[in-house]
Amino acid sequence: MQLEYEKNANVKPLMRLLLGVLALLSGSSDRAFAWFESGHHLIALVAFDQLTVEEQQQLLEILAAHPRYREDFTPLAPIKNVDRWRIGTAAYWPDIARDQPNYNRPTWHYQLGATLTIGDPAQMQIPKAPGPLPSGVSLETQELYIAQAFELCRNVLQSNDATPGDKAIALCWLAHLAGDAHQPCHAGSLYAGGLFPEGDRGANLIPTLQRDNMHALWDSLLGAEYDEVEIANRLQTISDDPRYARFGQKCLEDSSAFHPLWWLSESRTLAKEFTYSHEVLGPLQAAMREQVRLPTLYLSQRYIDFAGKLANVRAIQAGYRLAEVWREGLRSP
């Protein structure tokens, strides 16, 4: 079912997304920064601000049942608005849980499959795209991927039988995975014969001078460590810009846009057009021809500026969509 969805997805909305992003990028020269801790906080707050005061309180009440609430949701430094910090931390919590064996779910953070292939696929080890959510899975299941894990957590949040603690965990993962699905490097890998026959691990194997690798560079575009003032300023900047707001509103118009596979399809399209630009593919193809290692890339300021604005677009879209998913969970009987 999932494979057919990916295969038959209507590409016209994806192309409209591309054209809209191009128009935004070419029409502005301001610098943008942008899915480390700061990015996940930002996306969660975009979503939180779309909810009513009553819905916000319901969300906070669900979060308060989190089994790690006292340890992970108590600020260690003075915070002006603790509720907003907790909502942002909820979206970041699955990364905090990487150090917690009972809660760490490494494969949930990415989607298997090829974003781009260069060379003969027969010489590459390209995994099959994950299928539908398997039966009998739970929040303890390890080997799930973004779309599957998102559907699981959506079901848990809406379930009458789920424990309050499980609902709180599901709330956190929904926020985190909505963000990850909108980050182009989380949607798949580049496969290149002789260079990356097993994939570039979502651009983790492409070294850059600006960051250790291209995946880390994209993760950093919405900021790095949590800073309450910086996040508030960034949120105000993109929320007050009508161009970004239009992206958020438009992404709610198509019912298919609430399926995580749709978000991943968008991310792959954007990765092909922007992430793996000629600045990346040129050196990569040269390394393939010469049968040498890929050199450390220096990506131009133009690339960084474009990537930053695209990150803002994806943050707005992720936030608006997450708000609807959260609201859907709150309305469940």
Protein backbone atom coordinates (compact mmCIF):
# COMPACT_ATOMS: atom_id res chain seq x y z
CA MET A 1 0.00 0.00 0.00
CA GLN A 2 2.72 2.48 0.93
CA LEU A 3 4.80 1.56 -2.09
CA GLU A 4 1.84 2.25 -4.38
CA TYR A 5 1.22 5.55 -2.65
CA GLU A 6 4.80 6.64 -3.31
CA LYS A 7 4.71 5.33 -6.88
CA ASN A 8 1.45 7.05 -7.84
CA ALA A 9 1.75 10.28 -5.85
CA ASN A 10 0.59 13.26 -7.90
CA VAL A 11 3.71 15.25 -8.74
CA LYS A 12 1.90 18.47 -9.67
CA PRO A 13 1.63 19.76 -6.08
CA LEU A 14 5.32 18.90 -5.62
CA MET A 15 6.24 20.96 -8.65
CA ARG A 16 4.07 23.83 -7.40
CA LEU A 17 5.99 23.61 -4.15
CA LEU A 18 9.26 23.82 -6.06
CA LEU A 19 8.13 26.81 -8.10
CA GLY A 20 6.90 28.57 -4.98
CA VAL A 21 10.20 27.98 -3.19
CA LEU A 22 12.12 29.24 -6.21
CA ALA A 23 10.01 32.39 -6.29
CA LEU A 24 10.61 32.99 -2.58
CA LEU A 25 14.33 32.37 -2.81
CA SER A 26 14.86 34.57 -5.82
CA GLY A 27 12.81 37.37 -4.33
CA SER A 28 14.74 37.88 -1.11
CA SER A 29 18.35 38.29 -0.06
CA ASP A 30 18.02 38.10 3.72
CA ARG A 31 20.12 35.52 5.55
CA ALA A 32 18.29 32.62 7.18
CA PHE A 33 19.46 30.14 9.74
CA ALA A 34 17.71 27.10 10.42
CA TRP A 35 16.77 20.59 12.79
CA PHE A 36 19.04 20.40 15.67
CA GLU A 37 17.46 21.21 19.06
CA SER A 38 16.51 24.72 17.97
CA GLY A 39 14.81 23.50 14.80
CA HIS A 40 12.58 21.00 16.57
CA HIS A 41 11.61 23.63 19.15
CA LEU A 42 10.75 26.06 16.37
CA ILE A 43 8.52 23.60 14.48
CA ALA A 44 6.67 22.59 17.64
CA LEU A 45 6.02 26.24 18.51
CA VAL A 46 4.73 26.98 15.02
CA ALA A 47 2.25 24.14 15.59
CA PHE A 48 1.42 25.18 19.16
CA ASP A 49 0.55 28.69 18.03
CA GLN A 50 -2.04 27.32 15.58
CA LEU A 51 -4.01 25.75 18.45
CA THR A 52 -6.63 27.39 20.64
CA VAL A 53 -5.81 28.15 24.27
CA GLU A 54 -7.99 25.21 25.31
CA GLU A 55 -6.21 22.87 22.89
CA GLN A 56 -2.82 24.09 24.11
CA GLN A 57 -3.80 23.28 27.69
CA GLN A 58 -4.99 19.80 26.67
CA LEU A 59 -1.66 19.17 24.98
CA LEU A 60 0.28 20.25 28.06
CA GLU A 61 -1.87 17.99 30.25
CA ILE A 62 -1.10 14.99 28.02
CA LEU A 63 2.61 15.81 28.09
CA ALA A 64 2.59 15.96 31.90
CA ALA A 65 2.00 12.19 31.98
CA HIS A 66 5.30 11.51 30.20
CA PRO A 67 7.28 8.86 32.14
CA ARG A 68 10.39 11.07 31.92
CA TYR A 69 8.55 14.31 32.69
CA ARG A 70 10.42 15.16 35.89
CA GLU A 71 13.85 14.27 34.46
CA ASP A 72 13.57 15.64 30.90
CA PHE A 73 10.94 18.38 31.10
CA THR A 74 12.26 20.35 34.05
CA PRO A 75 14.37 23.30 32.85
CA LEU A 76 17.90 23.44 34.24
CA ALA A 77 18.17 27.20 33.70
CA PRO A 78 15.69 30.08 34.08
CA ILE A 79 13.08 30.08 31.31
CA LYS A 80 10.58 32.88 30.73
CA ASN A 81 7.81 30.67 29.39
CA VAL A 82 8.17 27.14 30.73
CA ASP A 83 5.08 25.82 28.90
CA ARG A 84 6.47 26.82 25.51
CA TRP A 85 9.86 25.38 26.42
CA ARG A 86 8.20 22.08 27.35
CA ILE A 87 6.33 21.91 24.05
CA GLY A 88 9.55 22.55 22.16
CA THR A 89 11.35 19.98 24.30
CA ALA A 90 8.61 17.46 23.48
CA ALA A 91 9.59 17.71 19.81
CA TYR A 92 13.28 17.38 20.66
CA TRP A 93 12.79 14.61 23.22
CA PRO A 94 13.32 11.65 20.82
CA ASP A 95 16.87 12.95 20.37
CA ILE A 96 17.29 13.24 24.14
CA ALA A 97 16.08 9.63 24.30
CA ARG A 98 19.02 8.45 22.19
CA ASP A 99 20.88 8.09 25.50
CA GLN A 100 17.99 6.20 27.11
CA PRO A 101 18.01 2.49 26.12
CA ASN A 102 14.35 2.01 27.02
CA TYR A 103 13.22 4.79 24.69
CA ASN A 104 15.86 5.03 21.94
CA ARG A 105 14.48 4.14 18.48
CA PRO A 106 17.33 4.80 15.99
CA THR A 107 15.57 3.82 12.74
CA TRP A 108 12.44 5.87 13.46
CA HIS A 109 14.33 9.05 12.53
CA TYR A 110 14.74 8.37 8.81
CA GLN A 111 13.14 6.76 5.77
CA LEU A 112 14.74 3.98 3.77
CA GLY A 113 15.05 4.29 0.01
CA ALA A 114 16.86 6.15 -2.74
CA THR A 115 16.40 9.86 -3.24
CA LEU A 116 18.82 9.82 -6.16
CA THR A 117 20.87 7.15 -7.98
CA ILE A 118 23.91 7.74 -10.16
CA GLY A 119 25.25 4.82 -12.17
CA ASP A 120 24.07 1.25 -12.53
CA PRO A 121 21.56 0.32 -9.77
CA ALA A 122 22.65 -3.30 -10.15
CA GLN A 123 25.96 -2.29 -8.54
CA MET A 124 24.20 -0.73 -5.56
CA GLN A 125 22.50 -2.15 -2.49
CA ILE A 126 19.31 -0.11 -2.46
CA PRO A 127 16.87 -1.22 0.24
CA LYS A 128 13.18 -1.59 -0.50
CA ALA A 129 10.97 1.22 0.68
CA PRO A 130 9.24 0.33 3.97
CA GLY A 131 5.76 -1.08 3.59
CA PRO A 132 2.63 -0.23 5.56
CA LEU A 133 2.65 -0.22 9.34
CA PRO A 134 3.06 -3.88 10.39
CA SER A 135 0.41 -5.40 12.62
CA GLY A 136 1.15 -5.95 16.28
CA VAL A 137 3.70 -3.15 16.63
CA SER A 138 3.92 -0.87 19.65
CA LEU A 139 5.98 2.03 20.98
CA GLU A 140 8.58 -0.58 21.98
CA THR A 141 9.05 -1.79 18.38
CA GLN A 142 12.53 -0.94 17.13
CA GLU A 143 12.66 -1.41 13.37
CA LEU A 144 10.19 1.13 12.05
CA TYR A 145 10.89 4.09 9.78
CA ILE A 146 9.52 7.63 9.68
CA ALA A 147 6.19 7.04 7.95
CA GLN A 148 5.47 3.82 9.86
CA ALA A 149 6.44 5.30 13.23
CA PHE A 150 4.35 8.39 12.57
CA GLU A 151 1.25 6.30 11.83
CA LEU A 152 1.85 4.23 14.97
CA CYS A 153 2.11 7.31 17.17
CA ARG A 154 -0.93 8.87 15.52
CA ASN A 155 -2.91 5.74 16.40
CA VAL A 156 -1.65 5.76 19.98
CA LEU A 157 -2.56 9.42 20.54
CA GLN A 158 -6.10 8.73 19.27
CA SER A 159 -6.55 5.45 21.13
CA ASN A 160 -8.95 5.06 24.05
CA ASP A 161 -6.88 2.15 25.32
CA ALA A 162 -3.43 3.78 25.37
CA THR A 163 -1.99 4.71 28.74
CA PRO A 164 -1.46 8.41 29.55
CA GLY A 165 2.31 7.81 29.45
CA ASP A 166 2.14 6.24 25.99
CA LYS A 167 0.01 9.12 24.71
CA ALA A 168 2.64 11.56 25.97
CA ILE A 169 5.43 9.64 24.25
CA ALA A 170 3.39 9.51 21.03
CA LEU A 171 2.80 13.28 21.22
CA CYS A 172 6.57 13.84 21.37
CA TRP A 173 7.36 11.50 18.49
CA LEU A 174 4.68 13.02 16.27
CA ALA A 175 6.27 16.44 16.71
CA HIS A 176 9.77 15.09 16.11
CA LEU A 177 8.90 12.99 13.07
CA ALA A 178 6.90 15.77 11.46
CA GLY A 179 10.08 17.82 11.60
CA ASP A 180 12.33 15.02 10.34
CA ALA A 181 10.01 14.17 7.43
CA HIS A 182 10.29 17.77 6.21
CA GLN A 183 14.10 17.73 6.27
CA PRO A 184 15.29 16.64 2.80
CA CYS A 185 18.21 14.56 4.10
CA HIS A 186 15.92 12.39 6.26
CA ALA A 187 13.79 11.21 3.32
CA GLY A 188 16.32 8.90 1.67
CA SER A 189 19.90 8.59 0.47
CA LEU A 190 21.99 9.16 -2.64
CA TYR A 191 23.34 5.95 -4.20
CA ALA A 192 26.37 6.21 -6.49
CA GLY A 193 28.18 3.30 -8.10
CA GLY A 194 31.75 2.90 -6.81
CA LEU A 195 31.38 5.74 -4.32
CA PHE A 196 28.24 5.16 -2.28
CA PRO A 197 26.98 1.71 -3.35
CA GLU A 198 25.21 1.39 0.03
CA GLY A 199 24.04 5.01 0.03
CA ASP A 200 25.38 8.21 1.55
CA ARG A 201 23.31 7.68 4.73
CA GLY A 202 21.15 10.73 4.14
CA ALA A 203 24.18 12.87 3.16
CA ASN A 204 26.06 11.95 6.37
CA LEU A 205 28.92 10.63 4.21
CA ILE A 206 29.31 13.84 2.19
CA PRO A 207 31.94 15.93 4.01
CA THR A 208 31.63 19.72 4.02
CA LEU A 209 33.86 22.49 5.35
CA GLN A 210 30.91 24.36 6.91
CA ARG A 211 29.92 21.33 9.04
CA ASP A 212 31.29 17.82 9.42
CA ASN A 213 28.94 16.62 6.70
CA MET A 214 26.07 17.80 4.54
CA HIS A 215 23.39 16.19 6.72
CA ALA A 216 24.66 18.10 9.76
CA LEU A 217 24.76 21.28 7.69
CA TRP A 218 21.08 20.92 6.80
CA ASP A 219 20.18 20.00 10.37
CA SER A 220 21.80 23.24 11.54
CA LEU A 221 19.88 25.56 9.21
CA LEU A 222 17.18 26.25 11.82
CA GLY A 223 19.73 26.87 14.56
CA ALA A 224 21.71 24.65 16.91
CA GLU A 225 21.35 24.60 20.71
CA TYR A 226 18.24 25.95 22.43
CA ASP A 227 18.17 29.70 22.95
CA GLU A 228 14.83 31.13 24.10
CA VAL A 229 15.37 34.61 22.68
CA GLU A 230 16.82 33.41 19.39
CA ILE A 231 13.97 30.97 18.81
CA ALA A 232 11.36 33.63 19.66
CA ASN A 233 12.98 36.04 17.20
CA ARG A 234 13.22 33.42 14.48
CA LEU A 235 9.61 32.37 15.03
CA GLN A 236 8.43 35.96 14.79
CA THR A 237 10.47 36.57 11.63
CA ILE A 238 9.00 33.67 9.68
CA SER A 239 5.49 33.93 11.18
CA ASP A 240 5.22 37.63 10.31
CA ASP A 241 6.41 37.10 6.73
CA PRO A 242 3.29 36.59 4.53
CA ARG A 243 5.32 34.62 2.00
CA TYR A 244 6.11 31.93 4.58
CA ALA A 245 2.57 32.01 5.96
CA ARG A 246 1.21 31.25 2.48
CA PHE A 247 3.26 28.05 2.38
CA GLY A 248 1.73 26.99 5.68
CA GLN A 249 -1.82 27.74 4.59
CA LYS A 250 -1.43 26.16 1.14
CA CYS A 251 -0.11 22.90 2.58
CA LEU A 252 -3.42 22.38 4.42
CA GLU A 253 -5.57 22.53 1.29
CA ASP A 254 -4.89 19.00 0.00
CA SER A 255 -6.13 16.11 2.16
CA SER A 256 -3.25 13.91 0.96
CA ALA A 257 -0.86 16.44 2.46
CA PHE A 258 -1.56 15.00 5.92
CA HIS A 259 0.09 11.69 5.09
CA PRO A 260 3.78 11.47 6.10
CA LEU A 261 4.61 9.75 2.82
CA TRP A 262 3.53 12.93 1.08
CA TRP A 263 5.93 15.00 3.17
CA LEU A 264 8.73 12.55 2.39
CA SER A 265 7.92 12.76 -1.34
CA GLU A 266 8.19 16.54 -1.11
CA SER A 267 11.50 16.23 0.72
CA ARG A 268 12.92 13.91 -1.92
CA THR A 269 11.86 16.24 -4.70
CA LEU A 270 13.48 19.18 -2.91
CA ALA A 271 16.62 17.13 -2.23
CA LYS A 272 16.99 16.37 -5.94
CA GLU A 273 16.54 20.00 -6.93
CA PHE A 274 18.34 21.80 -4.10
CA THR A 275 20.22 19.60 -1.62
CA TYR A 276 22.10 17.63 -4.27
CA SER A 277 22.79 20.65 -6.46
CA HIS A 278 25.54 20.93 -9.07
CA GLU A 279 27.86 22.04 -6.25
CA VAL A 280 27.53 18.54 -4.82
CA LEU A 281 26.97 16.42 -7.92
CA GLY A 282 29.87 17.95 -9.89
CA PRO A 283 32.61 16.88 -7.43
CA LEU A 284 30.79 13.60 -6.77
CA GLN A 285 30.71 12.62 -10.45
CA ALA A 286 34.35 13.66 -10.85
CA ALA A 287 35.32 11.42 -7.91
CA MET A 288 33.40 8.56 -9.52
CA ARG A 289 35.22 9.02 -12.84
CA GLU A 290 38.64 9.23 -11.21
CA GLN A 291 37.81 6.46 -8.72
CA VAL A 292 38.91 8.56 -5.72
CA ARG A 293 37.31 9.56 -2.46
CA LEU A 294 34.91 12.46 -2.49
CA PRO A 295 36.81 15.58 -1.34
CA THR A 296 35.51 17.81 1.44
CA LEU A 297 33.09 20.23 -0.20
CA TYR A 298 32.93 23.96 0.29
CA LEU A 299 29.35 24.98 -0.46
CA SER A 300 28.87 28.53 -1.67
CA GLN A 301 27.13 31.27 0.27
CA ARG A 302 24.39 31.20 -2.37
CA TYR A 303 23.79 27.53 -1.58
CA ILE A 304 23.69 28.25 2.18
CA ASP A 305 21.26 31.16 1.72
CA PHE A 306 18.94 29.10 -0.47
CA ALA A 307 19.08 26.17 1.95
CA GLY A 308 18.27 28.46 4.90
CA LYS A 309 15.16 29.89 3.26
CA LEU A 310 14.04 26.44 2.18
CA ALA A 311 14.48 25.27 5.79
CA ASN A 312 12.16 28.07 6.93
CA VAL A 313 9.54 26.97 4.38
CA ARG A 314 9.73 23.38 5.57
CA ALA A 315 9.53 24.46 9.22
CA ILE A 316 6.32 26.38 8.56
CA GLN A 317 4.81 23.48 6.61
CA ALA A 318 5.80 20.95 9.27
CA GLY A 319 4.34 23.16 12.01
CA TYR A 320 1.00 23.76 10.29
CA ARG A 321 0.62 20.06 9.50
CA LEU A 322 1.65 18.98 12.99
CA ALA A 323 -0.98 21.30 14.49
CA GLU A 324 -3.68 19.46 12.55
CA VAL A 325 -2.35 16.06 13.62
CA TRP A 326 -2.20 17.13 17.26
CA ARG A 327 -5.71 18.60 16.99
CA GLU A 328 -6.96 15.37 15.47
CA GLY A 329 -5.57 13.47 18.48
CA LEU A 330 -7.13 15.88 20.95
CA ARG A 331 -10.56 15.49 19.35
CA SER A 332 -10.51 11.71 19.57
CA PRO A 333 -13.07 10.32 22.05
